[in-house]
PDB file of N, CA and C in Angstrom:
ATOM      1  N   UNK A   1       0.833  -1.200  -0.004  1.00  0.00           N
ATOM      2  CA  UNK A   1       0.061  -0.053  -0.020  1.00  0.00           C
ATOM      3  C   UNK A   1       0.841   1.271  -0.029  1.00  0.00           C
ATOM      4  N   UNK A   2       0.677   2.183  -0.875  1.00  0.00           N
ATOM      5  CA  UNK A   2       1.321   3.342  -0.986  1.00  0.00           C
ATOM      6  C   UNK A   2       0.836   4.342   0.095  1.00  0.00           C
ATOM      7  N   UNK A   3       1.704   5.388   0.370  1.00  0.00           N
ATOM      8  CA  UNK A   3       1.406   6.335   1.419  1.00  0.00           C
ATOM      9  C   UNK A   3       0.119   7.070   0.992  1.00  0.00           C
ATOM     10  N   UNK A   4      -0.047   7.299  -0.334  1.00  0.00           N
ATOM     11  CA  UNK A   4      -1.203   8.064  -0.848  1.00  0.00           C
ATOM     12  C   UNK A   4      -2.503   7.138  -0.495  1.00  0.00           C
ATOM     13  N   UNK A   5      -2.329   5.865  -0.657  1.00  0.00           N
ATOM     14  CA  UNK A   5      -3.525   4.927  -0.482  1.00  0.00           C
ATOM     15  C   UNK A   5      -3.906   5.026   1.094  1.00  0.00           C
ATOM     16  N   UNK A   6      -2.935   5.223   1.977  1.00  0.00           N
ATOM     17  CA  UNK A   6      -3.174   5.239   3.453  1.00  0.00           C
ATOM     18  C   UNK A   6      -3.728   6.586   3.847  1.00  0.00           C
ATOM     19  N   UNK A   7      -3.855   7.652   3.123  1.00  0.00           N
ATOM     20  CA  UNK A   7      -4.467   8.817   3.412  1.00  0.00           C
ATOM     21  C   UNK A   7      -6.051   8.720   3.216  1.00  0.00           C
ATOM     22  N   UNK A   8      -6.930   8.736   4.202  1.00  0.00           N
ATOM     23  CA  UNK A   8      -8.196   8.526   4.143  1.00  0.00           C
ATOM     24  C   UNK A   8      -8.861   9.748   3.446  1.00  0.00           C
ATOM     25  N   UNK A   9      -8.974   9.653   2.125  1.00  0.00           N
ATOM     26  CA  UNK A   9      -9.611  10.696   1.331  1.00  0.00           C
ATOM     27  C   UNK A   9     -11.058  10.559   1.213  1.00  0.00           C
ATOM     28  N   UNK A  10     -11.624   9.510   1.714  1.00  0.00           N
ATOM     29  CA  UNK A  10     -13.119   9.263   1.604  1.00  0.00           C
ATOM     30  C   UNK A  10     -13.822   9.716   2.647  1.00  0.00           C
ATOM     31  N   UNK A  11     -13.317   9.956   3.834  1.00  0.00           N
ATOM     32  CA  UNK A  11     -14.076  10.281   5.100  1.00  0.00           C
ATOM     33  C   UNK A  11     -14.211  11.814   5.167  1.00  0.00           C
ATOM     34  N   UNK A  12     -13.350  12.524   4.475  1.00  0.00           N
ATOM     35  CA  UNK A  12     -13.362  13.998   4.542  1.00  0.00           C
ATOM     36  C   UNK A  12     -14.356  14.674   3.733  1.00  0.00           C
ATOM     37  N   UNK A  13     -14.565  16.049   3.962  1.00  0.00           N
ATOM     38  CA  UNK A  13     -15.418  16.848   3.280  1.00  0.00           C
ATOM     39  C   UNK A  13     -14.845  17.358   1.942  1.00  0.00           C
ATOM     40  N   UNK A  14     -15.583  17.923   1.115  1.00  0.00           N
ATOM     41  CA  UNK A  14     -15.078  18.702  -0.060  1.00  0.00           C
ATOM     42  C   UNK A  14     -14.679  17.883  -1.249  1.00  0.00           C
ATOM     43  N   UNK A  15     -13.753  18.437  -1.868  1.00  0.00           N
ATOM     44  CA  UNK A  15     -13.316  17.835  -3.227  1.00  0.00           C
ATOM     45  C   UNK A  15     -11.783  17.198  -2.885  1.00  0.00           C
ATOM     46  N   UNK A  16     -11.448  16.543  -1.812  1.00  0.00           N
ATOM     47  CA  UNK A  16     -10.134  15.929  -1.605  1.00  0.00           C
ATOM     48  C   UNK A  16     -10.198  14.773  -2.510  1.00  0.00           C
ATOM     49  N   UNK A  17      -9.125  14.752  -3.324  1.00  0.00           N
ATOM     50  CA  UNK A  17      -9.061  13.758  -4.298  1.00  0.00           C
ATOM     51  C   UNK A  17      -7.705  13.084  -4.389  1.00  0.00           C
ATOM     52  N   UNK A  18      -7.447  12.126  -5.247  1.00  0.00           N
ATOM     53  CA  UNK A  18      -6.122  11.465  -5.354  1.00  0.00           C
ATOM     54  C   UNK A  18      -4.908  12.452  -5.585  1.00  0.00           C
ATOM     55  N   UNK A  19      -5.145  13.594  -6.340  1.00  0.00           N
ATOM     56  CA  UNK A  19      -4.008  14.509  -6.416  1.00  0.00           C
ATOM     57  C   UNK A  19      -3.650  15.205  -5.161  1.00  0.00           C
ATOM     58  N   UNK A  20      -4.741  15.484  -4.408  1.00  0.00           N
ATOM     59  CA  UNK A  20      -4.441  16.089  -3.105  1.00  0.00           C
ATOM     60  C   UNK A  20      -3.840  15.113  -2.219  1.00  0.00           C
ATOM     61  N   UNK A  21      -4.169  13.870  -2.226  1.00  0.00           N
ATOM     62  CA  UNK A  21      -3.506  12.775  -1.408  1.00  0.00           C
ATOM     63  C   UNK A  21      -2.138  12.706  -1.692  1.00  0.00           C
ATOM     64  N   UNK A  22      -1.740  12.708  -3.026  1.00  0.00           N
ATOM     65  CA  UNK A  22      -0.416  12.490  -3.506  1.00  0.00           C
ATOM     66  C   UNK A  22       0.407  13.789  -3.134  1.00  0.00           C
ATOM     67  N   UNK A  23      -0.206  15.000  -3.262  1.00  0.00           N
ATOM     68  CA  UNK A  23       0.507  16.161  -2.875  1.00  0.00           C
ATOM     69  C   UNK A  23       0.942  16.108  -1.494  1.00  0.00           C
ATOM     70  N   UNK A  24       0.241  15.430  -0.521  1.00  0.00           N
ATOM     71  CA  UNK A  24       0.541  15.415   0.732  1.00  0.00           C
ATOM     72  C   UNK A  24       1.567  14.209   1.210  1.00  0.00           C
ATOM     73  N   UNK A  25       1.650  13.158   0.376  1.00  0.00           N
ATOM     74  CA  UNK A  25       2.313  12.003   0.601  1.00  0.00           C
ATOM     75  C   UNK A  25       3.656  11.725  -0.072  1.00  0.00           C
ATOM     76  N   UNK A  26       3.703  12.328  -1.459  1.00  0.00           N
ATOM     77  CA  UNK A  26       4.766  11.964  -2.267  1.00  0.00           C
ATOM     78  C   UNK A  26       6.019  12.754  -1.745  1.00  0.00           C
ATOM     79  N   UNK A  27       7.127  12.251  -1.908  1.00  0.00           N
ATOM     80  CA  UNK A  27       8.344  13.007  -1.382  1.00  0.00           C
ATOM     81  C   UNK A  27       8.685  14.150  -2.376  1.00  0.00           C
ATOM     82  N   UNK A  28       8.634  15.464  -1.864  1.00  0.00           N
ATOM     83  CA  UNK A  28       8.828  16.608  -2.641  1.00  0.00           C
ATOM     84  C   UNK A  28       9.363  17.627  -1.730  1.00  0.00           C
ATOM     85  N   UNK A  29      10.139  18.337  -2.316  1.00  0.00           N
ATOM     86  CA  UNK A  29      10.783  19.642  -1.507  1.00  0.00           C
ATOM     87  C   UNK A  29      10.310  20.911  -2.214  1.00  0.00           C
ATOM     88  N   UNK A  30       9.638  21.852  -1.555  1.00  0.00           N
ATOM     89  CA  UNK A  30       9.187  23.047  -2.144  1.00  0.00           C
ATOM     90  C   UNK A  30      10.102  24.128  -1.477  1.00  0.00           C
ATOM     91  N   UNK A  31      10.727  24.957  -2.385  1.00  0.00           N
ATOM     92  CA  UNK A  31      11.614  26.090  -1.993  1.00  0.00           C
ATOM     93  C   UNK A  31      10.986  27.463  -2.518  1.00  0.00           C
ATOM     94  N   UNK A  32      11.257  28.550  -1.780  1.00  0.00           N
ATOM     95  CA  UNK A  32      10.860  29.840  -2.210  1.00  0.00           C
ATOM     96  C   UNK A  32      12.031  30.690  -2.453  1.00  0.00           C
ATOM     97  N   UNK A  33      11.854  31.998  -2.476  1.00  0.00           N
ATOM     98  CA  UNK A  33      12.845  33.012  -2.797  1.00  0.00           C
ATOM     99  C   UNK A  33      13.893  33.015  -1.610  1.00  0.00           C
ATOM    100  N   UNK A  34      13.605  32.571  -0.500  1.00  0.00           N
ATOM    101  CA  UNK A  34      14.616  32.733   0.562  1.00  0.00           C
ATOM    102  C   UNK A  34      15.687  31.695   0.425  1.00  0.00           C
ATOM    103  N   UNK A  35      15.420  30.592  -0.297  1.00  0.00           N
ATOM    104  CA  UNK A  35      16.245  29.465  -0.731  1.00  0.00           C
ATOM    105  C   UNK A  35      16.913  29.605  -2.117  1.00  0.00           C
ATOM    106  N   UNK A  36      16.109  29.915  -2.995  1.00  0.00           N
ATOM    107  CA  UNK A  36      16.416  30.007  -4.364  1.00  0.00           C
ATOM    108  C   UNK A  36      16.279  31.516  -4.907  1.00  0.00           C
ATOM    109  N   UNK A  37      17.244  32.237  -4.932  1.00  0.00           N
ATOM    110  CA  UNK A  37      17.268  33.781  -5.289  1.00  0.00           C
ATOM    111  C   UNK A  37      16.877  33.886  -6.831  1.00  0.00           C
ATOM    112  N   UNK A  38      16.829  32.901  -7.579  1.00  0.00           N
ATOM    113  CA  UNK A  38      16.494  33.006  -9.020  1.00  0.00           C
ATOM    114  C   UNK A  38      14.926  33.083  -9.204  1.00  0.00           C
ATOM    115  N   UNK A  39      14.143  32.600  -8.111  1.00  0.00           N
ATOM    116  CA  UNK A  39      12.695  32.801  -8.248  1.00  0.00           C
ATOM    117  C   UNK A  39      12.145  34.168  -7.979  1.00  0.00           C
ATOM    118  N   UNK A  40      11.075  34.462  -8.468  1.00  0.00           N
ATOM    119  CA  UNK A  40      10.386  35.781  -8.159  1.00  0.00           C
ATOM    120  C   UNK A  40       9.512  35.532  -7.056  1.00  0.00           C
ATOM    121  N   UNK A  41       8.961  36.562  -6.415  1.00  0.00           N
ATOM    122  CA  UNK A  41       8.003  36.360  -5.351  1.00  0.00           C
ATOM    123  C   UNK A  41       6.814  35.636  -5.807  1.00  0.00           C
ATOM    124  N   UNK A  42       6.236  34.779  -4.991  1.00  0.00           N
ATOM    125  CA  UNK A  42       5.163  33.770  -5.290  1.00  0.00           C
ATOM    126  C   UNK A  42       5.514  32.895  -6.297  1.00  0.00           C
ATOM    127  N   UNK A  43       6.807  32.694  -6.553  1.00  0.00           N
ATOM    128  CA  UNK A  43       7.287  31.384  -7.410  1.00  0.00           C
ATOM    129  C   UNK A  43       7.805  30.499  -6.547  1.00  0.00           C
ATOM    130  N   UNK A  44       7.733  29.245  -6.744  1.00  0.00           N
ATOM    131  CA  UNK A  44       8.286  28.183  -5.986  1.00  0.00           C
ATOM    132  C   UNK A  44       8.799  27.016  -6.807  1.00  0.00           C
ATOM    133  N   UNK A  45       9.979  26.567  -6.344  1.00  0.00           N
ATOM    134  CA  UNK A  45      10.574  25.412  -7.139  1.00  0.00           C
ATOM    135  C   UNK A  45      10.158  24.138  -6.343  1.00  0.00           C
ATOM    136  N   UNK A  46       9.669  23.137  -6.987  1.00  0.00           N
ATOM    137  CA  UNK A  46       9.195  21.950  -6.447  1.00  0.00           C
ATOM    138  C   UNK A  46      10.257  20.772  -6.976  1.00  0.00           C
ATOM    139  N   UNK A  47      10.898  20.288  -6.039  1.00  0.00           N
ATOM    140  CA  UNK A  47      11.904  19.089  -6.412  1.00  0.00           C
ATOM    141  C   UNK A  47      11.287  17.772  -6.072  1.00  0.00           C
ATOM    142  N   UNK A  48      11.237  16.936  -7.031  1.00  0.00           N
ATOM    143  CA  UNK A  48      10.832  15.610  -6.786  1.00  0.00           C
ATOM    144  C   UNK A  48      12.072  14.678  -7.148  1.00  0.00           C
ATOM    145  N   UNK A  49      12.071  13.442  -6.813  1.00  0.00           N
ATOM    146  CA  UNK A  49      13.317  12.662  -6.949  1.00  0.00           C
ATOM    147  C   UNK A  49      14.091  12.728  -8.397  1.00  0.00           C
ATOM    148  N   UNK A  50      13.223  12.817  -9.587  1.00  0.00           N
ATOM    149  CA  UNK A  50      13.815  12.985 -10.819  1.00  0.00           C
ATOM    150  C   UNK A  50      13.417  14.139 -11.653  1.00  0.00           C
ATOM    151  N   UNK A  51      12.624  15.070 -11.093  1.00  0.00           N
ATOM    152  CA  UNK A  51      12.127  16.193 -11.827  1.00  0.00           C
ATOM    153  C   UNK A  51      12.053  17.355 -10.909  1.00  0.00           C
ATOM    154  N   UNK A  52      12.070  18.676 -11.617  1.00  0.00           N
ATOM    155  CA  UNK A  52      11.864  19.784 -10.970  1.00  0.00           C
ATOM    156  C   UNK A  52      10.851  20.695 -11.643  1.00  0.00           C
ATOM    157  N   UNK A  53      10.100  21.319 -10.988  1.00  0.00           N
ATOM    158  CA  UNK A  53       9.009  22.119 -11.584  1.00  0.00           C
ATOM    159  C   UNK A  53       9.001  23.619 -10.799  1.00  0.00           C
ATOM    160  N   UNK A  54       8.553  24.604 -11.774  1.00  0.00           N
ATOM    161  CA  UNK A  54       8.369  25.959 -11.096  1.00  0.00           C
ATOM    162  C   UNK A  54       6.837  26.166 -11.068  1.00  0.00           C
ATOM    163  N   UNK A  55       6.516  26.540 -10.035  1.00  0.00           N
ATOM    164  CA  UNK A  55       4.938  26.801  -9.732  1.00  0.00           C
ATOM    165  C   UNK A  55       4.795  28.343  -9.510  1.00  0.00           C
ATOM    166  N   UNK A  56       4.093  28.920 -10.212  1.00  0.00           N
ATOM    167  CA  UNK A  56       3.791  30.425  -9.929  1.00  0.00           C
ATOM    168  C   UNK A  56       2.393  30.394  -9.329  1.00  0.00           C
ATOM    169  N   UNK A  57       2.367  30.795  -7.941  1.00  0.00           N
ATOM    170  CA  UNK A  57       1.204  30.879  -7.212  1.00  0.00           C
ATOM    171  C   UNK A  57       0.338  31.932  -7.669  1.00  0.00           C
ATOM    172  N   UNK A  58       0.733  32.937  -8.237  1.00  0.00           N
ATOM    173  CA  UNK A  58      -0.059  34.119  -8.669  1.00  0.00           C
ATOM    174  C   UNK A  58      -0.834  33.820 -10.027  1.00  0.00           C
ATOM    175  N   UNK A  59      -0.033  33.308 -10.972  1.00  0.00           N
ATOM    176  CA  UNK A  59      -0.610  32.993 -12.229  1.00  0.00           C
ATOM    177  C   UNK A  59      -1.291  31.597 -12.155  1.00  0.00           C
ATOM    178  N   UNK A  60      -1.025  30.913 -11.076  1.00  0.00           N
ATOM    179  CA  UNK A  60      -1.626  29.485 -10.993  1.00  0.00           C
ATOM    180  C   UNK A  60      -1.157  28.632 -12.009  1.00  0.00           C
ATOM    181  N   UNK A  61       0.239  28.545 -12.291  1.00  0.00           N
ATOM    182  CA  UNK A  61       0.746  27.666 -13.253  1.00  0.00           C
ATOM    183  C   UNK A  61       1.659  26.730 -12.850  1.00  0.00           C
ATOM    184  N   UNK A  62       1.979  25.727 -13.543  1.00  0.00           N
ATOM    185  CA  UNK A  62       3.125  24.686 -13.263  1.00  0.00           C
ATOM    186  C   UNK A  62       3.609  24.268 -14.567  1.00  0.00           C
ATOM    187  N   UNK A  63       4.802  23.951 -14.762  1.00  0.00           N
ATOM    188  CA  UNK A  63       5.265  23.497 -15.931  1.00  0.00           C
ATOM    189  C   UNK A  63       5.140  21.963 -16.265  1.00  0.00           C
ATOM    190  N   UNK A  64       4.493  21.235 -15.465  1.00  0.00           N
ATOM    191  CA  UNK A  64       4.304  19.834 -15.564  1.00  0.00           C
ATOM    192  C   UNK A  64       3.216  19.511 -16.617  1.00  0.00           C
ATOM    193  N   UNK A  65       3.294  18.307 -17.185  1.00  0.00           N
ATOM    194  CA  UNK A  65       2.325  17.940 -18.200  1.00  0.00           C
ATOM    195  C   UNK A  65       0.746  17.925 -17.693  1.00  0.00           C
ATOM    196  N   UNK A  66       0.692  17.492 -16.427  1.00  0.00           N
ATOM    197  CA  UNK A  66      -0.622  17.498 -15.950  1.00  0.00           C
ATOM    198  C   UNK A  66      -1.294  18.942 -15.934  1.00  0.00           C
ATOM    199  N   UNK A  67      -0.602  19.931 -15.499  1.00  0.00           N
ATOM    200  CA  UNK A  67      -1.114  21.254 -15.498  1.00  0.00           C
ATOM    201  C   UNK A  67      -1.285  21.887 -16.844  1.00  0.00           C
ATOM    202  N   UNK A  68      -0.277  21.510 -17.766  1.00  0.00           N
ATOM    203  CA  UNK A  68      -0.189  22.115 -19.080  1.00  0.00           C
ATOM    204  C   UNK A  68      -1.185  21.526 -20.034  1.00  0.00           C
ATOM    205  N   UNK A  69      -1.480  20.154 -19.891  1.00  0.00           N
ATOM    206  CA  UNK A  69      -2.360  19.557 -20.941  1.00  0.00           C
ATOM    207  C   UNK A  69      -3.804  19.204 -20.382  1.00  0.00           C
ATOM    208  N   UNK A  70      -3.898  18.989 -19.081  1.00  0.00           N
ATOM    209  CA  UNK A  70      -5.213  18.720 -18.471  1.00  0.00           C
ATOM    210  C   UNK A  70      -5.992  19.879 -17.945  1.00  0.00           C
ATOM    211  N   UNK A  71      -5.336  21.058 -17.805  1.00  0.00           N
ATOM    212  CA  UNK A  71      -6.036  22.212 -17.260  1.00  0.00           C
ATOM    213  C   UNK A  71      -6.545  22.081 -15.994  1.00  0.00           C
ATOM    214  N   UNK A  72      -5.795  21.307 -15.048  1.00  0.00           N
ATOM    215  CA  UNK A  72      -6.333  21.187 -13.679  1.00  0.00           C
ATOM    216  C   UNK A  72      -5.180  21.389 -12.732  1.00  0.00           C
ATOM    217  N   UNK A  73      -5.510  21.688 -11.374  1.00  0.00           N
ATOM    218  CA  UNK A  73      -4.417  21.875 -10.525  1.00  0.00           C
ATOM    219  C   UNK A  73      -3.659  20.609 -10.225  1.00  0.00           C
ATOM    220  N   UNK A  74      -2.372  20.696 -10.604  1.00  0.00           N
ATOM    221  CA  UNK A  74      -1.529  19.504 -10.456  1.00  0.00           C
ATOM    222  C   UNK A  74      -1.153  19.208  -8.931  1.00  0.00           C
ATOM    223  N   UNK A  75      -0.534  18.148  -8.645  1.00  0.00           N
ATOM    224  CA  UNK A  75      -0.042  17.815  -7.269  1.00  0.00           C
ATOM    225  C   UNK A  75       1.048  18.793  -6.839  1.00  0.00           C
ATOM    226  N   UNK A  76       1.826  19.350  -7.855  1.00  0.00           N
ATOM    227  CA  UNK A  76       2.878  20.336  -7.515  1.00  0.00           C
ATOM    228  C   UNK A  76       2.275  21.618  -6.959  1.00  0.00           C
ATOM    229  N   UNK A  77       1.188  22.189  -7.653  1.00  0.00           N
ATOM    230  CA  UNK A  77       0.565  23.295  -7.103  1.00  0.00           C
ATOM    231  C   UNK A  77      -0.037  23.112  -5.904  1.00  0.00           C
ATOM    232  N   UNK A  78      -0.700  21.995  -5.754  1.00  0.00           N
ATOM    233  CA  UNK A  78      -1.390  21.686  -4.421  1.00  0.00           C
ATOM    234  C   UNK A  78      -0.335  21.566  -3.297  1.00  0.00           C
ATOM    235  N   UNK A  79       0.720  20.856  -3.521  1.00  0.00           N
ATOM    236  CA  UNK A  79       1.815  20.775  -2.576  1.00  0.00           C
ATOM    237  C   UNK A  79       2.322  22.208  -2.004  1.00  0.00           C
ATOM    238  N   UNK A  80       2.518  23.166  -3.037  1.00  0.00           N
ATOM    239  CA  UNK A  80       2.840  24.445  -2.777  1.00  0.00           C
ATOM    240  C   UNK A  80       1.792  25.029  -1.832  1.00  0.00           C
ATOM    241  N   UNK A  81       0.511  24.987  -2.162  1.00  0.00           N
ATOM    242  CA  UNK A  81      -0.468  25.481  -1.336  1.00  0.00           C
ATOM    243  C   UNK A  81      -0.559  24.945   0.208  1.00  0.00           C
ATOM    244  N   UNK A  82      -0.213  23.694   0.268  1.00  0.00           N
ATOM    245  CA  UNK A  82      -0.095  23.049   1.621  1.00  0.00           C
ATOM    246  C   UNK A  82       1.198  23.425   2.306  1.00  0.00           C
ATOM    247  N   UNK A  83       2.238  23.517   1.598  1.00  0.00           N
ATOM    248  CA  UNK A  83       3.543  23.867   2.186  1.00  0.00           C
ATOM    249  C   UNK A  83       3.674  25.308   2.791  1.00  0.00           C
ATOM    250  N   UNK A  84       3.047  26.174   2.056  1.00  0.00           N
ATOM    251  CA  UNK A  84       3.104  27.625   2.590  1.00  0.00           C
ATOM    252  C   UNK A  84       1.867  28.094   3.380  1.00  0.00           C
ATOM    253  N   UNK A  85       1.111  27.105   3.682  1.00  0.00           N
ATOM    254  CA  UNK A  85      -0.053  27.301   4.456  1.00  0.00           C
ATOM    255  C   UNK A  85      -1.233  28.038   3.862  1.00  0.00           C
ATOM    256  N   UNK A  86      -1.284  28.196   2.573  1.00  0.00           N
ATOM    257  CA  UNK A  86      -2.421  28.805   1.885  1.00  0.00           C
ATOM    258  C   UNK A  86      -3.767  27.827   1.929  1.00  0.00           C
ATOM    259  N   UNK A  87      -3.503  26.629   1.985  1.00  0.00           N
ATOM    260  CA  UNK A  87      -4.612  25.703   2.126  1.00  0.00           C
ATOM    261  C   UNK A  87      -4.286  24.781   3.244  1.00  0.00           C
ATOM    262  N   UNK A  88      -5.172  24.729   4.279  1.00  0.00           N
ATOM    263  CA  UNK A  88      -4.956  23.837   5.374  1.00  0.00           C
ATOM    264  C   UNK A  88      -4.903  22.320   4.976  1.00  0.00           C
ATOM    265  N   UNK A  89      -4.267  21.603   5.685  1.00  0.00           N
ATOM    266  CA  UNK A  89      -4.304  20.088   5.581  1.00  0.00           C
ATOM    267  C   UNK A  89      -5.450  19.579   6.255  1.00  0.00           C
ATOM    268  N   UNK A  90      -6.353  18.756   5.609  1.00  0.00           N
ATOM    269  CA  UNK A  90      -7.481  18.393   6.357  1.00  0.00           C
ATOM    270  C   UNK A  90      -7.061  17.690   7.706  1.00  0.00           C
ATOM    271  N   UNK A  91      -7.828  17.966   8.703  1.00  0.00           N
ATOM    272  CA  UNK A  91      -7.479  17.507  10.053  1.00  0.00           C
ATOM    273  C   UNK A  91      -7.701  16.014  10.208  1.00  0.00           C
ATOM    274  N   UNK A  92      -8.509  15.289   9.315  1.00  0.00           N
ATOM    275  CA  UNK A  92      -8.785  14.060   9.424  1.00  0.00           C
ATOM    276  C   UNK A  92      -7.895  13.095   8.770  1.00  0.00           C
ATOM    277  N   UNK A  93      -6.786  13.697   8.074  1.00  0.00           N
ATOM    278  CA  UNK A  93      -5.914  12.809   7.368  1.00  0.00           C
ATOM    279  C   UNK A  93      -5.012  12.167   8.422  1.00  0.00           C
ATOM    280  N   UNK A  94      -4.458  11.032   7.854  1.00  0.00           N
ATOM    281  CA  UNK A  94      -3.538  10.135   8.703  1.00  0.00           C
ATOM    282  C   UNK A  94      -2.093  10.796   8.751  1.00  0.00           C
ATOM    283  N   UNK A  95      -1.925  11.527   9.772  1.00  0.00           N
ATOM    284  CA  UNK A  95      -0.614  12.278   9.900  1.00  0.00           C
ATOM    285  C   UNK A  95       0.601  11.415   9.576  1.00  0.00           C
ATOM    286  N   UNK A  96       0.627  10.126   9.991  1.00  0.00           N
ATOM    287  CA  UNK A  96       1.711   9.347   9.773  1.00  0.00           C
ATOM    288  C   UNK A  96       1.984   9.022   8.215  1.00  0.00           C
ATOM    289  N   UNK A  97       0.943   9.251   7.481  1.00  0.00           N
ATOM    290  CA  UNK A  97       1.109   9.028   5.976  1.00  0.00           C
ATOM    291  C   UNK A  97       1.721  10.305   5.315  1.00  0.00           C
ATOM    292  N   UNK A  98       1.645  11.391   5.857  1.00  0.00           N
ATOM    293  CA  UNK A  98       2.178  12.646   5.317  1.00  0.00           C
ATOM    294  C   UNK A  98       3.590  12.681   5.095  1.00  0.00           C
ATOM    295  N   UNK A  99       4.180  13.294   3.982  1.00  0.00           N
ATOM    296  CA  UNK A  99       5.511  13.440   3.757  1.00  0.00           C
ATOM    297  C   UNK A  99       6.040  14.399   4.841  1.00  0.00           C
ATOM    298  N   UNK A 100       7.243  14.028   5.466  1.00  0.00           N
ATOM    299  CA  UNK A 100       7.677  14.753   6.611  1.00  0.00           C
ATOM    300  C   UNK A 100       8.341  16.033   6.157  1.00  0.00           C
ATOM    301  N   UNK A 101       8.586  16.245   4.991  1.00  0.00           N
ATOM    302  CA  UNK A 101       9.254  17.468   4.466  1.00  0.00           C
ATOM    303  C   UNK A 101       8.378  18.667   4.103  1.00  0.00           C
ATOM    304  N   UNK A 102       6.969  18.529   4.395  1.00  0.00           N
ATOM    305  CA  UNK A 102       6.126  19.555   3.978  1.00  0.00           C
ATOM    306  C   UNK A 102       6.438  20.863   4.645  1.00  0.00           C
ATOM    307  N   UNK A 103       6.818  21.785   3.806  1.00  0.00           N
ATOM    308  CA  UNK A 103       7.071  23.142   4.296  1.00  0.00           C
ATOM    309  C   UNK A 103       8.435  23.371   4.900  1.00  0.00           C
ATOM    310  N   UNK A 104       9.300  22.515   4.810  1.00  0.00           N
ATOM    311  CA  UNK A 104      10.555  22.574   5.353  1.00  0.00           C
ATOM    312  C   UNK A 104      11.432  23.644   4.854  1.00  0.00           C
ATOM    313  N   UNK A 105      11.206  24.018   3.582  1.00  0.00           N
ATOM    314  CA  UNK A 105      12.096  25.069   2.975  1.00  0.00           C
ATOM    315  C   UNK A 105      11.350  26.247   2.372  1.00  0.00           C
ATOM    316  N   UNK A 106      10.195  26.608   3.082  1.00  0.00           N
ATOM    317  CA  UNK A 106       9.445  27.801   2.572  1.00  0.00           C
ATOM    318  C   UNK A 106       9.251  28.752   3.860  1.00  0.00           C
ATOM    319  N   UNK A 107       9.103  29.997   3.616  1.00  0.00           N
ATOM    320  CA  UNK A 107       8.858  30.883   4.713  1.00  0.00           C
ATOM    321  C   UNK A 107       7.590  30.721   5.400  1.00  0.00           C
ATOM    322  N   UNK A 108       6.504  30.411   4.617  1.00  0.00           N
ATOM    323  CA  UNK A 108       5.146  30.132   5.368  1.00  0.00           C
ATOM    324  C   UNK A 108       5.284  28.721   6.071  1.00  0.00           C
ATOM    325  N   UNK A 109       4.165  28.519   6.807  1.00  0.00           N
ATOM    326  CA  UNK A 109       4.141  27.208   7.629  1.00  0.00           C
ATOM    327  C   UNK A 109       2.901  26.528   7.134  1.00  0.00           C
ATOM    328  N   UNK A 110       2.993  25.127   7.031  1.00  0.00           N
ATOM    329  CA  UNK A 110       1.855  24.373   6.792  1.00  0.00           C
ATOM    330  C   UNK A 110       0.937  24.529   7.797  1.00  0.00           C
ATOM    331  N   UNK A 111      -0.457  24.336   7.578  1.00  0.00           N
ATOM    332  CA  UNK A 111      -1.466  24.514   8.521  1.00  0.00           C
ATOM    333  C   UNK A 111      -2.300  23.279   8.458  1.00  0.00           C
ATOM    334  N   UNK A 112      -2.864  22.866   9.552  1.00  0.00           N
ATOM    335  CA  UNK A 112      -3.778  21.696   9.540  1.00  0.00           C
ATOM    336  C   UNK A 112      -5.042  22.069  10.262  1.00  0.00           C
ATOM    337  N   UNK A 113      -6.156  21.678   9.763  1.00  0.00           N
ATOM    338  CA  UNK A 113      -7.463  22.057  10.410  1.00  0.00           C
ATOM    339  C   UNK A 113      -7.629  21.241  11.736  1.00  0.00           C
ATOM    340  N   UNK A 114      -8.287  21.956  12.699  1.00  0.00           N
ATOM    341  CA  UNK A 114      -8.442  21.385  13.879  1.00  0.00           C
ATOM    342  C   UNK A 114      -9.952  20.978  13.951  1.00  0.00           C
ATOM    343  N   UNK A 115     -10.364  20.270  15.053  1.00  0.00           N
ATOM    344  CA  UNK A 115     -11.807  19.732  15.164  1.00  0.00           C
ATOM    345  C   UNK A 115     -12.772  20.840  15.458  1.00  0.00           C
ATOM    346  N   UNK A 116     -12.348  22.015  15.999  1.00  0.00           N
ATOM    347  CA  UNK A 116     -13.193  23.122  16.217  1.00  0.00           C
ATOM    348  C   UNK A 116     -13.287  24.110  15.014  1.00  0.00           C
ATOM    349  N   UNK A 117     -12.697  23.771  13.880  1.00  0.00           N
ATOM    350  CA  UNK A 117     -12.921  24.561  12.603  1.00  0.00           C
ATOM    351  C   UNK A 117     -11.827  25.520  12.565  1.00  0.00           C
ATOM    352  N   UNK A 118     -10.858  25.624  13.309  1.00  0.00           N
ATOM    353  CA  UNK A 118      -9.751  26.416  13.239  1.00  0.00           C
ATOM    354  C   UNK A 118      -8.614  25.733  12.533  1.00  0.00           C
ATOM    355  N   UNK A 119      -7.517  26.487  12.380  1.00  0.00           N
ATOM    356  CA  UNK A 119      -6.170  25.656  11.937  1.00  0.00           C
ATOM    357  C   UNK A 119      -5.061  26.096  13.007  1.00  0.00           C
ATOM    358  N   UNK A 120      -4.096  25.225  12.800  1.00  0.00           N
ATOM    359  CA  UNK A 120      -2.942  25.387  13.657  1.00  0.00           C
ATOM    360  C   UNK A 120      -1.699  24.984  12.754  1.00  0.00           C
ATOM    361  N   UNK A 121      -0.506  25.542  13.188  1.00  0.00           N
ATOM    362  CA  UNK A 121       0.578  25.081  12.434  1.00  0.00           C
ATOM    363  C   UNK A 121       0.883  23.691  12.515  1.00  0.00           C
ATOM    364  N   UNK A 122       1.240  23.117  11.391  1.00  0.00           N
ATOM    365  CA  UNK A 122       1.405  21.602  11.321  1.00  0.00           C
ATOM    366  C   UNK A 122       2.894  21.362  11.703  1.00  0.00           C
ATOM    367  N   UNK A 123       3.169  20.505  12.615  1.00  0.00           N
ATOM    368  CA  UNK A 123       4.448  20.186  12.939  1.00  0.00           C
ATOM    369  C   UNK A 123       4.666  18.734  12.633  1.00  0.00           C
ATOM    370  N   UNK A 124       5.637  18.539  11.607  1.00  0.00           N
ATOM    371  CA  UNK A 124       5.832  17.269  11.119  1.00  0.00           C
ATOM    372  C   UNK A 124       6.834  16.496  11.949  1.00  0.00           C
TER     373      UNK A 124
END
């Protein structure tokens, strides 16, 4: 069973789907301008084991095939959203299944939803 399979995406609300689960569980490193000076504000570099993509959070773009050809939010864009705290991690996910590097190299902090409807900083 993959880590993405162990995230319970069926019990949660909204449109949490396979891409969102993979964005939280696949090994990736997201960096911003404080690490990579070649990036512009609101640009992020997403490193995967064999590929690297630039995500522009303002233009909502990514250079991956999924974003370019399917016209959908890819897992890289979603990972950037989670890493910088723009979108909270659903509180009902299995925390042990999450990639431990979420938000490690960005200025923002990942956030996780709490049972009372608020969010708190996610500590991996």
